[in-house]
Amino acid sequence: TMPRIKALTTGSIPGFIDVVMNLNS
């Protein structure tokens, strides 16, 4: 979810490091 929200709002493609950040956005 969190990487997808970032993709929808920034237009960039988040990486797998964002999976870890998903726990505490």
mmCIF file of all heavy atoms, coordinates in Angstrom:
data_MODEL
# 
_entry.id   MODEL 
# 
loop_
_atom_site.group_PDB 
_atom_site.id 
_atom_site.type_symbol 
_atom_site.label_atom_id 
_atom_site.label_alt_id 
_atom_site.label_comp_id 
_atom_site.label_asym_id 
_atom_site.label_entity_id 
_atom_site.label_seq_id 
_atom_site.pdbx_PDB_ins_code 
_atom_site.Cartn_x 
_atom_site.Cartn_y 
_atom_site.Cartn_z 
_atom_site.occupancy 
_atom_site.B_iso_or_equiv 
_atom_site.pdbx_formal_charge 
_atom_site.auth_seq_id 
_atom_site.auth_comp_id 
_atom_site.auth_asym_id 
_atom_site.auth_atom_id 
_atom_site.pdbx_PDB_model_num 
ATOM 1   N N   . THR A 1 1  ? 0.795  -1.231 0.000   1.00 0.00 ? 1  THR A N   1 
ATOM 2   C CA  . THR A 1 1  ? 0.000  0.000  0.000   1.00 0.00 ? 1  THR A CA  1 
ATOM 3   C C   . THR A 1 1  ? 0.828  1.282  0.000   1.00 0.00 ? 1  THR A C   1 
ATOM 4   O O   . THR A 1 1  ? 0.621  2.153  -0.842  1.00 0.00 ? 1  THR A O   1 
ATOM 5   C CB  . THR A 1 1  ? -0.956 0.000  1.202   1.00 0.00 ? 1  THR A CB  1 
ATOM 6   O OG1 . THR A 1 1  ? -1.890 -1.071 1.040   1.00 0.00 ? 1  THR A OG1 1 
ATOM 7   C CG2 . THR A 1 1  ? -1.733 1.305  1.279   1.00 0.00 ? 1  THR A CG2 1 
ATOM 8   N N   . MET A 1 2  ? 1.753  1.439  0.936   1.00 0.00 ? 2  MET A N   1 
ATOM 9   C CA  . MET A 1 2  ? 2.460  2.713  1.024   1.00 0.00 ? 2  MET A CA  1 
ATOM 10  C C   . MET A 1 2  ? 3.267  3.045  -0.237  1.00 0.00 ? 2  MET A C   1 
ATOM 11  O O   . MET A 1 2  ? 3.173  4.162  -0.759  1.00 0.00 ? 2  MET A O   1 
ATOM 12  C CB  . MET A 1 2  ? 3.352  2.742  2.267   1.00 0.00 ? 2  MET A CB  1 
ATOM 13  C CG  . MET A 1 2  ? 3.857  4.146  2.612   1.00 0.00 ? 2  MET A CG  1 
ATOM 14  S SD  . MET A 1 2  ? 5.338  4.600  1.710   1.00 0.00 ? 2  MET A SD  1 
ATOM 15  C CE  . MET A 1 2  ? 6.584  3.726  2.637   1.00 0.00 ? 2  MET A CE  1 
ATOM 16  N N   . PRO A 1 3  ? 4.045  2.106  -0.795  1.00 0.00 ? 3  PRO A N   1 
ATOM 17  C CA  . PRO A 1 3  ? 4.717  2.407  -2.057  1.00 0.00 ? 3  PRO A CA  1 
ATOM 18  C C   . PRO A 1 3  ? 3.752  2.757  -3.189  1.00 0.00 ? 3  PRO A C   1 
ATOM 19  O O   . PRO A 1 3  ? 4.049  3.582  -4.047  1.00 0.00 ? 3  PRO A O   1 
ATOM 20  C CB  . PRO A 1 3  ? 5.495  1.122  -2.359  1.00 0.00 ? 3  PRO A CB  1 
ATOM 21  C CG  . PRO A 1 3  ? 5.712  0.487  -1.041  1.00 0.00 ? 3  PRO A CG  1 
ATOM 22  C CD  . PRO A 1 3  ? 4.491  0.805  -0.241  1.00 0.00 ? 3  PRO A CD  1 
ATOM 23  N N   . ARG A 1 4  ? 2.577  2.124  -3.191  1.00 0.00 ? 4  ARG A N   1 
ATOM 24  C CA  . ARG A 1 4  ? 1.597  2.417  -4.237  1.00 0.00 ? 4  ARG A CA  1 
ATOM 25  C C   . ARG A 1 4  ? 1.014  3.827  -4.077  1.00 0.00 ? 4  ARG A C   1 
ATOM 26  O O   . ARG A 1 4  ? 0.759  4.521  -5.053  1.00 0.00 ? 4  ARG A O   1 
ATOM 27  C CB  . ARG A 1 4  ? 0.461  1.389  -4.205  1.00 0.00 ? 4  ARG A CB  1 
ATOM 28  C CG  . ARG A 1 4  ? 0.840  -0.043 -4.538  1.00 0.00 ? 4  ARG A CG  1 
ATOM 29  C CD  . ARG A 1 4  ? 1.390  -0.168 -5.952  1.00 0.00 ? 4  ARG A CD  1 
ATOM 30  N NE  . ARG A 1 4  ? 2.832  -0.047 -6.023  1.00 0.00 ? 4  ARG A NE  1 
ATOM 31  C CZ  . ARG A 1 4  ? 3.502  0.647  -6.915  1.00 0.00 ? 4  ARG A CZ  1 
ATOM 32  N NH1 . ARG A 1 4  ? 2.872  1.306  -7.850  1.00 0.00 ? 4  ARG A NH1 1 
ATOM 33  N NH2 . ARG A 1 4  ? 4.805  0.693  -6.901  1.00 0.00 ? 4  ARG A NH2 1 
ATOM 34  N N   . ILE A 1 5  ? 0.784  4.252  -2.830  1.00 0.00 ? 5  ILE A N   1 
ATOM 35  C CA  . ILE A 1 5  ? 0.299  5.611  -2.599  1.00 0.00 ? 5  ILE A CA  1 
ATOM 36  C C   . ILE A 1 5  ? 1.351  6.613  -3.056  1.00 0.00 ? 5  ILE A C   1 
ATOM 37  O O   . ILE A 1 5  ? 1.038  7.628  -3.686  1.00 0.00 ? 5  ILE A O   1 
ATOM 38  C CB  . ILE A 1 5  ? -0.059 5.827  -1.114  1.00 0.00 ? 5  ILE A CB  1 
ATOM 39  C CG1 . ILE A 1 5  ? -1.245 4.947  -0.714  1.00 0.00 ? 5  ILE A CG1 1 
ATOM 40  C CG2 . ILE A 1 5  ? -0.397 7.299  -0.843  1.00 0.00 ? 5  ILE A CG2 1 
ATOM 41  C CD1 . ILE A 1 5  ? -1.584 5.003  0.764   1.00 0.00 ? 5  ILE A CD1 1 
ATOM 42  N N   . LYS A 1 6  ? 2.617  6.314  -2.765  1.00 0.00 ? 6  LYS A N   1 
ATOM 43  C CA  . LYS A 1 6  ? 3.692  7.196  -3.217  1.00 0.00 ? 6  LYS A CA  1 
ATOM 44  C C   . LYS A 1 6  ? 3.737  7.267  -4.735  1.00 0.00 ? 6  LYS A C   1 
ATOM 45  O O   . LYS A 1 6  ? 3.945  8.344  -5.313  1.00 0.00 ? 6  LYS A O   1 
ATOM 46  C CB  . LYS A 1 6  ? 5.031  6.706  -2.668  1.00 0.00 ? 6  LYS A CB  1 
ATOM 47  C CG  . LYS A 1 6  ? 5.224  6.954  -1.189  1.00 0.00 ? 6  LYS A CG  1 
ATOM 48  C CD  . LYS A 1 6  ? 6.592  6.496  -0.699  1.00 0.00 ? 6  LYS A CD  1 
ATOM 49  C CE  . LYS A 1 6  ? 7.709  7.315  -1.298  1.00 0.00 ? 6  LYS A CE  1 
ATOM 50  N NZ  . LYS A 1 6  ? 9.027  6.942  -0.713  1.00 0.00 ? 6  LYS A NZ  1 
ATOM 51  N N   . ALA A 1 7  ? 3.539  6.127  -5.388  1.00 0.00 ? 7  ALA A N   1 
ATOM 52  C CA  . ALA A 1 7  ? 3.559  6.104  -6.854  1.00 0.00 ? 7  ALA A CA  1 
ATOM 53  C C   . ALA A 1 7  ? 2.413  6.934  -7.417  1.00 0.00 ? 7  ALA A C   1 
ATOM 54  O O   . ALA A 1 7  ? 2.582  7.677  -8.394  1.00 0.00 ? 7  ALA A O   1 
ATOM 55  C CB  . ALA A 1 7  ? 3.466  4.665  -7.358  1.00 0.00 ? 7  ALA A CB  1 
ATOM 56  N N   . LEU A 1 8  ? 1.234  6.827  -6.816  1.00 0.00 ? 8  LEU A N   1 
ATOM 57  C CA  . LEU A 1 8  ? 0.063  7.553  -7.304  1.00 0.00 ? 8  LEU A CA  1 
ATOM 58  C C   . LEU A 1 8  ? 0.165  9.054  -7.079  1.00 0.00 ? 8  LEU A C   1 
ATOM 59  O O   . LEU A 1 8  ? -0.455 9.832  -7.801  1.00 0.00 ? 8  LEU A O   1 
ATOM 60  C CB  . LEU A 1 8  ? -1.206 7.019  -6.627  1.00 0.00 ? 8  LEU A CB  1 
ATOM 61  C CG  . LEU A 1 8  ? -1.701 5.652  -7.103  1.00 0.00 ? 8  LEU A CG  1 
ATOM 62  C CD1 . LEU A 1 8  ? -2.730 5.088  -6.127  1.00 0.00 ? 8  LEU A CD1 1 
ATOM 63  C CD2 . LEU A 1 8  ? -2.308 5.753  -8.501  1.00 0.00 ? 8  LEU A CD2 1 
ATOM 64  N N   . THR A 1 9  ? 0.908  9.478  -6.075  1.00 0.00 ? 9  THR A N   1 
ATOM 65  C CA  . THR A 1 9  ? 0.970  10.908 -5.756  1.00 0.00 ? 9  THR A CA  1 
ATOM 66  C C   . THR A 1 9  ? 2.233  11.591 -6.259  1.00 0.00 ? 9  THR A C   1 
ATOM 67  O O   . THR A 1 9  ? 2.223  12.799 -6.498  1.00 0.00 ? 9  THR A O   1 
ATOM 68  C CB  . THR A 1 9  ? 0.859  11.127 -4.233  1.00 0.00 ? 9  THR A CB  1 
ATOM 69  O OG1 . THR A 1 9  ? 1.861  10.346 -3.564  1.00 0.00 ? 9  THR A OG1 1 
ATOM 70  C CG2 . THR A 1 9  ? -0.512 10.722 -3.734  1.00 0.00 ? 9  THR A CG2 1 
ATOM 71  N N   . THR A 1 10 ? 3.325  10.830 -6.438  1.00 0.00 ? 10 THR A N   1 
ATOM 72  C CA  . THR A 1 10 ? 4.566  11.435 -6.931  1.00 0.00 ? 10 THR A CA  1 
ATOM 73  C C   . THR A 1 10 ? 4.813  11.123 -8.401  1.00 0.00 ? 10 THR A C   1 
ATOM 74  O O   . THR A 1 10 ? 5.559  11.841 -9.060  1.00 0.00 ? 10 THR A O   1 
ATOM 75  C CB  . THR A 1 10 ? 5.789  10.941 -6.132  1.00 0.00 ? 10 THR A CB  1 
ATOM 76  O OG1 . THR A 1 10 ? 5.957  9.531  -6.357  1.00 0.00 ? 10 THR A OG1 1 
ATOM 77  C CG2 . THR A 1 10 ? 5.611  11.205 -4.644  1.00 0.00 ? 10 THR A CG2 1 
ATOM 78  N N   . GLY A 1 11 ? 4.225  10.038 -8.893  1.00 0.00 ? 11 GLY A N   1 
ATOM 79  C CA  . GLY A 1 11 ? 4.479  9.632  -10.269 1.00 0.00 ? 11 GLY A CA  1 
ATOM 80  C C   . GLY A 1 11 ? 5.784  8.867  -10.429 1.00 0.00 ? 11 GLY A C   1 
ATOM 81  O O   . GLY A 1 11 ? 6.130  8.458  -11.530 1.00 0.00 ? 11 GLY A O   1 
ATOM 82  N N   . SER A 1 12 ? 6.515  8.667  -9.329  1.00 0.00 ? 12 SER A N   1 
ATOM 83  C CA  . SER A 1 12 ? 7.760  7.900  -9.389  1.00 0.00 ? 12 SER A CA  1 
ATOM 84  C C   . SER A 1 12 ? 7.464  6.442  -9.041  1.00 0.00 ? 12 SER A C   1 
ATOM 85  O O   . SER A 1 12 ? 6.350  6.102  -8.653  1.00 0.00 ? 12 SER A O   1 
ATOM 86  C CB  . SER A 1 12 ? 8.801  8.485  -8.424  1.00 0.00 ? 12 SER A CB  1 
ATOM 87  O OG  . SER A 1 12 ? 8.325  8.411  -7.094  1.00 0.00 ? 12 SER A OG  1 
ATOM 88  N N   . ILE A 1 13 ? 8.482  5.599  -9.167  1.00 0.00 ? 13 ILE A N   1 
ATOM 89  C CA  . ILE A 1 13 ? 8.312  4.168  -8.900  1.00 0.00 ? 13 ILE A CA  1 
ATOM 90  C C   . ILE A 1 13 ? 9.122  3.811  -7.665  1.00 0.00 ? 13 ILE A C   1 
ATOM 91  O O   . ILE A 1 13 ? 10.346 3.686  -7.735  1.00 0.00 ? 13 ILE A O   1 
ATOM 92  C CB  . ILE A 1 13 ? 8.762  3.320  -10.102 1.00 0.00 ? 13 ILE A CB  1 
ATOM 93  C CG1 . ILE A 1 13 ? 7.954  3.705  -11.347 1.00 0.00 ? 13 ILE A CG1 1 
ATOM 94  C CG2 . ILE A 1 13 ? 8.601  1.835  -9.811  1.00 0.00 ? 13 ILE A CG2 1 
ATOM 95  C CD1 . ILE A 1 13 ? 8.390  2.995  -12.611 1.00 0.00 ? 13 ILE A CD1 1 
ATOM 96  N N   . PRO A 1 14 ? 8.480  3.666  -6.505  1.00 0.00 ? 14 PRO A N   1 
ATOM 97  C CA  . PRO A 1 14 ? 9.205  3.329  -5.277  1.00 0.00 ? 14 PRO A CA  1 
ATOM 98  C C   . PRO A 1 14 ? 9.853  1.961  -5.385  1.00 0.00 ? 14 PRO A C   1 
ATOM 99  O O   . PRO A 1 14 ? 9.414  1.096  -6.136  1.00 0.00 ? 14 PRO A O   1 
ATOM 100 C CB  . PRO A 1 14 ? 8.108  3.335  -4.199  1.00 0.00 ? 14 PRO A CB  1 
ATOM 101 C CG  . PRO A 1 14 ? 6.998  4.147  -4.793  1.00 0.00 ? 14 PRO A CG  1 
ATOM 102 C CD  . PRO A 1 14 ? 7.054  3.877  -6.263  1.00 0.00 ? 14 PRO A CD  1 
ATOM 103 N N   . GLY A 1 15 ? 10.918 1.757  -4.592  1.00 0.00 ? 15 GLY A N   1 
ATOM 104 C CA  . GLY A 1 15 ? 11.625 0.492  -4.604  1.00 0.00 ? 15 GLY A CA  1 
ATOM 105 C C   . GLY A 1 15 ? 11.248 -0.380 -3.424  1.00 0.00 ? 15 GLY A C   1 
ATOM 106 O O   . GLY A 1 15 ? 10.372 -0.051 -2.628  1.00 0.00 ? 15 GLY A O   1 
ATOM 107 N N   . PHE A 1 16 ? 11.960 -1.501 -3.276  1.00 0.00 ? 16 PHE A N   1 
ATOM 108 C CA  . PHE A 1 16 ? 11.652 -2.460 -2.223  1.00 0.00 ? 16 PHE A CA  1 
ATOM 109 C C   . PHE A 1 16 ? 12.006 -1.939 -0.833  1.00 0.00 ? 16 PHE A C   1 
ATOM 110 O O   . PHE A 1 16 ? 11.509 -2.441 0.162   1.00 0.00 ? 16 PHE A O   1 
ATOM 111 C CB  . PHE A 1 16 ? 12.387 -3.776 -2.492  1.00 0.00 ? 16 PHE A CB  1 
ATOM 112 C CG  . PHE A 1 16 ? 11.776 -4.564 -3.607  1.00 0.00 ? 16 PHE A CG  1 
ATOM 113 C CD1 . PHE A 1 16 ? 12.190 -4.378 -4.918  1.00 0.00 ? 16 PHE A CD1 1 
ATOM 114 C CD2 . PHE A 1 16 ? 10.771 -5.474 -3.362  1.00 0.00 ? 16 PHE A CD2 1 
ATOM 115 C CE1 . PHE A 1 16 ? 11.621 -5.094 -5.956  1.00 0.00 ? 16 PHE A CE1 1 
ATOM 116 C CE2 . PHE A 1 16 ? 10.194 -6.194 -4.391  1.00 0.00 ? 16 PHE A CE2 1 
ATOM 117 C CZ  . PHE A 1 16 ? 10.619 -6.000 -5.693  1.00 0.00 ? 16 PHE A CZ  1 
ATOM 118 N N   . ILE A 1 17 ? 12.868 -0.915 -0.746  1.00 0.00 ? 17 ILE A N   1 
ATOM 119 C CA  . ILE A 1 17 ? 13.176 -0.334 0.553   1.00 0.00 ? 17 ILE A CA  1 
ATOM 120 C C   . ILE A 1 17 ? 11.925 0.276  1.171   1.00 0.00 ? 17 ILE A C   1 
ATOM 121 O O   . ILE A 1 17 ? 11.794 0.376  2.395   1.00 0.00 ? 17 ILE A O   1 
ATOM 122 C CB  . ILE A 1 17 ? 14.290 0.740  0.407   1.00 0.00 ? 17 ILE A CB  1 
ATOM 123 C CG1 . ILE A 1 17 ? 14.806 1.175  1.780   1.00 0.00 ? 17 ILE A CG1 1 
ATOM 124 C CG2 . ILE A 1 17 ? 13.791 1.935  -0.381  1.00 0.00 ? 17 ILE A CG2 1 
ATOM 125 C CD1 . ILE A 1 17 ? 15.505 0.095  2.557   1.00 0.00 ? 17 ILE A CD1 1 
ATOM 126 N N   . ASP A 1 18 ? 10.967 0.652  0.328   1.00 0.00 ? 18 ASP A N   1 
ATOM 127 C CA  . ASP A 1 18 ? 9.731  1.240  0.834   1.00 0.00 ? 18 ASP A CA  1 
ATOM 128 C C   . ASP A 1 18 ? 8.858  0.223  1.538   1.00 0.00 ? 18 ASP A C   1 
ATOM 129 O O   . ASP A 1 18 ? 7.948  0.588  2.271   1.00 0.00 ? 18 ASP A O   1 
ATOM 130 C CB  . ASP A 1 18 ? 8.948  1.886  -0.320  1.00 0.00 ? 18 ASP A CB  1 
ATOM 131 C CG  . ASP A 1 18 ? 9.637  3.132  -0.836  1.00 0.00 ? 18 ASP A CG  1 
ATOM 132 O OD1 . ASP A 1 18 ? 9.529  4.172  -0.176  1.00 0.00 ? 18 ASP A OD1 1 
ATOM 133 O OD2 . ASP A 1 18 ? 10.286 3.058  -1.886  1.00 0.00 ? 18 ASP A OD2 1 
ATOM 134 N N   . VAL A 1 19 ? 9.104  -1.069 1.309   1.00 0.00 ? 19 VAL A N   1 
ATOM 135 C CA  . VAL A 1 19 ? 8.351  -2.102 2.015   1.00 0.00 ? 19 VAL A CA  1 
ATOM 136 C C   . VAL A 1 19 ? 8.637  -2.012 3.509   1.00 0.00 ? 19 VAL A C   1 
ATOM 137 O O   . VAL A 1 19 ? 7.747  -2.135 4.349   1.00 0.00 ? 19 VAL A O   1 
ATOM 138 C CB  . VAL A 1 19 ? 8.712  -3.501 1.486   1.00 0.00 ? 19 VAL A CB  1 
ATOM 139 C CG1 . VAL A 1 19 ? 8.021  -4.581 2.308   1.00 0.00 ? 19 VAL A CG1 1 
ATOM 140 C CG2 . VAL A 1 19 ? 8.327  -3.614 0.019   1.00 0.00 ? 19 VAL A CG2 1 
ATOM 141 N N   . VAL A 1 20 ? 9.904  -1.795 3.864   1.00 0.00 ? 20 VAL A N   1 
ATOM 142 C CA  . VAL A 1 20 ? 10.273 -1.649 5.262   1.00 0.00 ? 20 VAL A CA  1 
ATOM 143 C C   . VAL A 1 20 ? 9.633  -0.395 5.845   1.00 0.00 ? 20 VAL A C   1 
ATOM 144 O O   . VAL A 1 20 ? 9.103  -0.401 6.958   1.00 0.00 ? 20 VAL A O   1 
ATOM 145 C CB  . VAL A 1 20 ? 11.811 -1.587 5.403   1.00 0.00 ? 20 VAL A CB  1 
ATOM 146 C CG1 . VAL A 1 20 ? 12.206 -1.422 6.865   1.00 0.00 ? 20 VAL A CG1 1 
ATOM 147 C CG2 . VAL A 1 20 ? 12.446 -2.835 4.825   1.00 0.00 ? 20 VAL A CG2 1 
ATOM 148 N N   . MET A 1 21 ? 9.660  0.692  5.071   1.00 0.00 ? 21 MET A N   1 
ATOM 149 C CA  . MET A 1 21 ? 9.082  1.949  5.532   1.00 0.00 ? 21 MET A CA  1 
ATOM 150 C C   . MET A 1 21 ? 7.570  1.870  5.641   1.00 0.00 ? 21 MET A C   1 
ATOM 151 O O   . MET A 1 21 ? 6.946  2.707  6.298   1.00 0.00 ? 21 MET A O   1 
ATOM 152 C CB  . MET A 1 21 ? 9.483  3.076  4.568   1.00 0.00 ? 21 MET A CB  1 
ATOM 153 C CG  . MET A 1 21 ? 10.983 3.319  4.514   1.00 0.00 ? 21 MET A CG  1 
ATOM 154 S SD  . MET A 1 21 ? 11.434 4.493  3.220   1.00 0.00 ? 21 MET A SD  1 
ATOM 155 C CE  . MET A 1 21 ? 10.602 5.965  3.806   1.00 0.00 ? 21 MET A CE  1 
ATOM 156 N N   . ASN A 1 22 ? 6.960  0.877  5.011   1.00 0.00 ? 22 ASN A N   1 
ATOM 157 C CA  . ASN A 1 22 ? 5.512  0.723  5.051   1.00 0.00 ? 22 ASN A CA  1 
ATOM 158 C C   . ASN A 1 22 ? 5.003  0.537  6.485   1.00 0.00 ? 22 ASN A C   1 
ATOM 159 O O   . ASN A 1 22 ? 3.869  0.871  6.800   1.00 0.00 ? 22 ASN A O   1 
ATOM 160 C CB  . ASN A 1 22 ? 5.098  -0.478 4.199   1.00 0.00 ? 22 ASN A CB  1 
ATOM 161 C CG  . ASN A 1 22 ? 3.599  -0.594 4.041   1.00 0.00 ? 22 ASN A CG  1 
ATOM 162 O OD1 . ASN A 1 22 ? 2.956  0.306  3.517   1.00 0.00 ? 22 ASN A OD1 1 
ATOM 163 N ND2 . ASN A 1 22 ? 3.031  -1.703 4.490   1.00 0.00 ? 22 ASN A ND2 1 
ATOM 164 N N   . LEU A 1 23 ? 5.853  0.014  7.368   1.00 0.00 ? 23 LEU A N   1 
ATOM 165 C CA  . LEU A 1 23 ? 5.442  -0.243 8.741   1.00 0.00 ? 23 LEU A CA  1 
ATOM 166 C C   . LEU A 1 23 ? 5.358  1.038  9.557   1.00 0.00 ? 23 LEU A C   1 
ATOM 167 O O   . LEU A 1 23 ? 4.640  1.097  10.546  1.00 0.00 ? 23 LEU A O   1 
ATOM 168 C CB  . LEU A 1 23 ? 6.424  -1.221 9.397   1.00 0.00 ? 23 LEU A CB  1 
ATOM 169 C CG  . LEU A 1 23 ? 6.532  -2.595 8.720   1.00 0.00 ? 23 LEU A CG  1 
ATOM 170 C CD1 . LEU A 1 23 ? 7.602  -3.424 9.397   1.00 0.00 ? 23 LEU A CD1 1 
ATOM 171 C CD2 . LEU A 1 23 ? 5.188  -3.314 8.764   1.00 0.00 ? 23 LEU A CD2 1 
ATOM 172 N N   . ASN A 1 24 ? 6.090  2.051  9.154   1.00 0.00 ? 24 ASN A N   1 
ATOM 173 C CA  . ASN A 1 24 ? 6.045  3.323  9.891   1.00 0.00 ? 24 ASN A CA  1 
ATOM 174 C C   . ASN A 1 24 ? 6.255  4.449  8.889   1.00 0.00 ? 24 ASN A C   1 
ATOM 175 O O   . ASN A 1 24 ? 7.337  5.009  8.790   1.00 0.00 ? 24 ASN A O   1 
ATOM 176 C CB  . ASN A 1 24 ? 7.116  3.341  10.980  1.00 0.00 ? 24 ASN A CB  1 
ATOM 177 C CG  . ASN A 1 24 ? 7.039  4.601  11.831  1.00 0.00 ? 24 ASN A CG  1 
ATOM 178 O OD1 . ASN A 1 24 ? 5.978  5.209  11.948  1.00 0.00 ? 24 ASN A OD1 1 
ATOM 179 N ND2 . ASN A 1 24 ? 8.165  5.005  12.396  1.00 0.00 ? 24 ASN A ND2 1 
ATOM 180 N N   . SER A 1 25 ? 5.216  4.758  8.132   1.00 0.00 ? 25 SER A N   1 
ATOM 181 C CA  . SER A 1 25 ? 5.337  5.679  7.002   1.00 0.00 ? 25 SER A CA  1 
ATOM 182 C C   . SER A 1 25 ? 5.662  7.090  7.478   1.00 0.00 ? 25 SER A C   1 
ATOM 183 O O   . SER A 1 25 ? 4.854  7.710  8.160   1.00 0.00 ? 25 SER A O   1 
ATOM 184 C CB  . SER A 1 25 ? 4.019  5.687  6.213   1.00 0.00 ? 25 SER A CB  1 
ATOM 185 O OG  . SER A 1 25 ? 3.620  4.381  5.913   1.00 0.00 ? 25 SER A OG  1 
# 
